[in-house]
C-alpha atoms as a PDB file:
ATOM      1  CA  MET A   1      84.045  86.562 107.512  1.00  0.00           C
ATOM      2  CA  THR A   2      86.919  88.712 107.042  1.00  0.00           C
ATOM      3  CA  ARG A   3      88.620  89.253 103.894  1.00  0.00           C
ATOM      4  CA  THR A   4      91.379  91.492 102.637  1.00  0.00           C
ATOM      5  CA  ASP A   5      92.446  91.854  99.148  1.00  0.00           C
ATOM      6  CA  ASN A   6      96.139  92.973  98.133  1.00  0.00           C
ATOM      7  CA  THR A   7      97.464  92.224  94.796  1.00  0.00           C
ATOM      8  CA  ALA A   8     100.821  92.015  96.174  1.00  0.00           C
ATOM      9  CA  HIS A   9     100.350  88.555  97.950  1.00  0.00           C
ATOM     10  CA  PRO A  10      97.550  86.558  98.649  1.00  0.00           C
ATOM     11  CA  ALA A  11      94.548  87.801 100.771  1.00  0.00           C
ATOM     12  CA  LEU A  12      93.932  87.046 104.540  1.00  0.00           C
ATOM     13  CA  CYS A  13      90.803  85.167 105.049  1.00  0.00           C
ATOM     14  CA  ALA A  14      89.416  84.790 108.480  1.00  0.00           C
ATOM     15  CA  GLU A  15      86.510  82.740 109.357  1.00  0.00           C
ATOM     16  CA  GLN A  16      84.885  82.198 112.854  1.00  0.00           C
ATOM     17  CA  ARG A  17      82.793  79.619 114.423  1.00  0.00           C
ATOM     18  CA  ILE A  18      81.693  78.782 117.958  1.00  0.00           C
ATOM     19  CA  VAL A  19      82.505  75.354 119.445  1.00  0.00           C
ATOM     20  CA  ALA A  20      81.393  74.227 122.815  1.00  0.00           C
ATOM     21  CA  GLY A  21      81.556  77.854 123.823  1.00  0.00           C
ATOM     22  CA  THR A  22      85.124  78.616 122.269  1.00  0.00           C
ATOM     23  CA  ARG A  23      85.748  80.517 119.322  1.00  0.00           C
ATOM     24  CA  VAL A  24      87.863  79.068 116.408  1.00  0.00           C
ATOM     25  CA  VAL A  25      89.271  81.385 114.104  1.00  0.00           C
ATOM     26  CA  THR A  26      90.348  79.752 111.080  1.00  0.00           C
ATOM     27  CA  LEU A  27      92.885  81.775 109.157  1.00  0.00           C
ATOM     28  CA  ARG A  28      94.132  81.399 105.479  1.00  0.00           C
ATOM     29  CA  GLY A  29      96.973  83.155 103.775  1.00  0.00           C
ATOM     30  CA  GLN A  30     100.064  85.193 105.071  1.00  0.00           C
ATOM     31  CA  LEU A  31     100.474  86.852 108.324  1.00  0.00           C
ATOM     32  CA  ASP A  32     102.238  90.033 107.774  1.00  0.00           C
ATOM     33  CA  HIS A  33     102.642  93.638 108.058  1.00  0.00           C
ATOM     34  CA  ASP A  34      99.943  94.040 105.156  1.00  0.00           C
ATOM     35  CA  VAL A  35      97.416  92.066 107.350  1.00  0.00           C
ATOM     36  CA  LYS A  36      98.220  92.834 110.633  1.00  0.00           C
ATOM     37  CA  ASP A  37      95.151  95.194 111.472  1.00  0.00           C
ATOM     38  CA  GLN A  38      92.659  92.398 109.760  1.00  0.00           C
ATOM     39  CA  LEU A  39      94.391  89.856 112.067  1.00  0.00           C
ATOM     40  CA  SER A  40      94.173  91.747 115.341  1.00  0.00           C
ATOM     41  CA  GLN A  41      90.419  92.299 114.560  1.00  0.00           C
ATOM     42  CA  ALA A  42      89.907  88.579 113.818  1.00  0.00           C
ATOM     43  CA  LEU A  43      91.637  87.781 117.015  1.00  0.00           C
ATOM     44  CA  SER A  44      90.236  90.557 119.157  1.00  0.00           C
ATOM     45  CA  THR A  45      88.349  89.369 122.300  1.00  0.00           C
ATOM     46  CA  GLN A  46      86.587  92.393 122.917  1.00  0.00           C
ATOM     47  CA  GLN A  47      83.211  90.867 121.176  1.00  0.00           C
ATOM     48  CA  ASN A  48      83.432  87.970 123.629  1.00  0.00           C
ATOM     49  CA  ALA A  49      81.662  88.394 127.125  1.00  0.00           C
ATOM     50  CA  GLY A  50      83.307  86.880 130.290  1.00  0.00           C
ATOM     51  CA  LYS A  51      86.372  84.815 129.755  1.00  0.00           C
ATOM     52  CA  PRO A  52      87.288  84.624 125.992  1.00  0.00           C
ATOM     53  CA  ARG A  53      88.560  81.569 124.639  1.00  0.00           C
ATOM     54  CA  THR A  54      90.054  81.395 121.149  1.00  0.00           C
ATOM     55  CA  VAL A  55      91.596  78.755 119.249  1.00  0.00           C
ATOM     56  CA  ALA A  56      93.363  79.967 116.052  1.00  0.00           C
ATOM     57  CA  ASP A  57      93.560  77.425 113.310  1.00  0.00           C
ATOM     58  CA  LEU A  58      96.654  77.932 111.256  1.00  0.00           C
ATOM     59  CA  SER A  59      96.445  74.992 109.223  1.00  0.00           C
ATOM     60  CA  GLU A  60      96.286  77.211 106.052  1.00  0.00           C
ATOM     61  CA  VAL A  61      98.705  80.002 106.978  1.00  0.00           C
ATOM     62  CA  THR A  62     101.965  79.615 104.956  1.00  0.00           C
ATOM     63  CA  PHE A  63     103.862  82.372 106.281  1.00  0.00           C
ATOM     64  CA  MET A  64     104.067  84.439 109.401  1.00  0.00           C
ATOM     65  CA  ASP A  65     106.407  87.522 110.152  1.00  0.00           C
ATOM     66  CA  SER A  66     107.148  89.589 113.420  1.00  0.00           C
ATOM     67  CA  SER A  67     103.826  91.546 112.620  1.00  0.00           C
ATOM     68  CA  GLY A  68     101.844  88.208 112.992  1.00  0.00           C
ATOM     69  CA  LEU A  69     103.612  87.316 115.830  1.00  0.00           C
ATOM     70  CA  ASN A  70     103.059  90.659 117.660  1.00  0.00           C
ATOM     71  CA  VAL A  71      99.387  90.274 117.010  1.00  0.00           C
ATOM     72  CA  PHE A  72      99.133  86.934 118.674  1.00  0.00           C
ATOM     73  CA  ILE A  73     100.837  88.408 121.428  1.00  0.00           C
ATOM     74  CA  ALA A  74      98.694  90.997 122.225  1.00  0.00           C
ATOM     75  CA  ALA A  75      95.645  88.801 121.686  1.00  0.00           C
ATOM     76  CA  HIS A  76      97.048  86.494 124.424  1.00  0.00           C
ATOM     77  CA  ARG A  77      97.504  89.447 126.715  1.00  0.00           C
ATOM     78  CA  GLN A  78      94.111  90.805 126.031  1.00  0.00           C
ATOM     79  CA  ALA A  79      92.466  87.471 126.553  1.00  0.00           C
ATOM     80  CA  SER A  80      94.678  86.568 129.733  1.00  0.00           C
ATOM     81  CA  SER A  81      93.817  89.998 131.556  1.00  0.00           C
ATOM     82  CA  VAL A  82      90.343  88.809 131.852  1.00  0.00           C
ATOM     83  CA  GLY A  83      90.865  85.330 132.419  1.00  0.00           C
ATOM     84  CA  GLY A  84      90.670  83.908 129.067  1.00  0.00           C
ATOM     85  CA  TRP A  85      93.104  82.273 126.726  1.00  0.00           C
ATOM     86  CA  VAL A  86      94.323  82.020 123.162  1.00  0.00           C
ATOM     87  CA  ARG A  87      95.640  78.621 121.546  1.00  0.00           C
ATOM     88  CA  ILE A  88      97.320  78.038 118.262  1.00  0.00           C
ATOM     89  CA  ALA A  89      96.316  74.829 116.574  1.00  0.00           C
ATOM     90  CA  ALA A  90      97.654  72.997 113.248  1.00  0.00           C
ATOM     91  CA  ALA A  91     100.344  75.319 112.267  1.00  0.00           C
ATOM     92  CA  GLN A  92     102.478  74.378 109.101  1.00  0.00           C
ATOM     93  CA  GLN A  93     105.916  73.289 109.779  1.00  0.00           C
ATOM     94  CA  ALA A  94     107.375  76.384 108.609  1.00  0.00           C
ATOM     95  CA  VAL A  95     104.859  78.659 110.527  1.00  0.00           C
ATOM     96  CA  LEU A  96     105.675  76.450 113.919  1.00  0.00           C
ATOM     97  CA  ARG A  97     109.293  76.995 113.532  1.00  0.00           C
ATOM     98  CA  ILE A  98     109.098  80.513 113.685  1.00  0.00           C
ATOM     99  CA  LEU A  99     106.772  80.524 116.752  1.00  0.00           C
ATOM    100  CA  GLN A 100     109.171  77.914 118.181  1.00  0.00           C
ATOM    101  CA  LEU A 101     112.364  80.081 117.436  1.00  0.00           C
ATOM    102  CA  VAL A 102     111.021  83.138 119.004  1.00  0.00           C
ATOM    103  CA  GLY A 103     109.323  81.406 121.818  1.00  0.00           C
ATOM    104  CA  ILE A 104     105.979  82.069 121.239  1.00  0.00           C
ATOM    105  CA  ASP A 105     104.997  78.453 121.772  1.00  0.00           C
ATOM    106  CA  THR A 106     106.155  78.904 125.547  1.00  0.00           C
ATOM    107  CA  LEU A 107     103.629  81.757 125.952  1.00  0.00           C
ATOM    108  CA  ILE A 108     100.785  80.583 123.800  1.00  0.00           C
ATOM    109  CA  THR A 109     100.039  76.766 123.683  1.00  0.00           C
ATOM    110  CA  CYS A 110     100.476  74.986 120.346  1.00  0.00           C
ATOM    111  CA  HIS A 111      98.407  72.295 119.364  1.00  0.00           C
ATOM    112  CA  PRO A 112      98.705  69.749 116.407  1.00  0.00           C
ATOM    113  CA  SER A 113      95.184  69.989 115.616  1.00  0.00           C
ATOM    114  CA  VAL A 114      91.883  72.016 116.442  1.00  0.00           C
ATOM    115  CA  GLU A 115      90.327  69.207 118.331  1.00  0.00           C
ATOM    116  CA  GLN A 116      93.313  68.703 120.495  1.00  0.00           C
ATOM    117  CA  ALA A 117      93.401  72.572 121.328  1.00  0.00           C
ATOM    118  CA  LEU A 118      89.804  72.344 122.367  1.00  0.00           C
ATOM    119  CA  ALA A 119      90.136  69.303 124.506  1.00  0.00           C
ATOM    120  CA  GLU A 120      92.791  70.680 126.580  1.00  0.00           C
END
């Protein structure tokens, strides 16, 4: 588990588990410039052998700015370059709207739940 503490805003918490060979990363907090390095580390596929598969559970993410979006794009490219993928699951409406406005949802599939992201 990765935690960052910053008194300016809520900390990012990232917890990982493996479900049927797919890494599920549950994120909590705000995905912005202050936590981009921790987010990048949490989504990194370098520790995965073979074709990395990652589902990012955003059900407890309350905000995402361009820094967070850029980390997701980089994680997608990193996974895709070796035949893997990244999927987004359970994004709150405000975060999902940002993903849709900038077109990330056309690059990285977004699912209403972790279970649906794992089932695809």
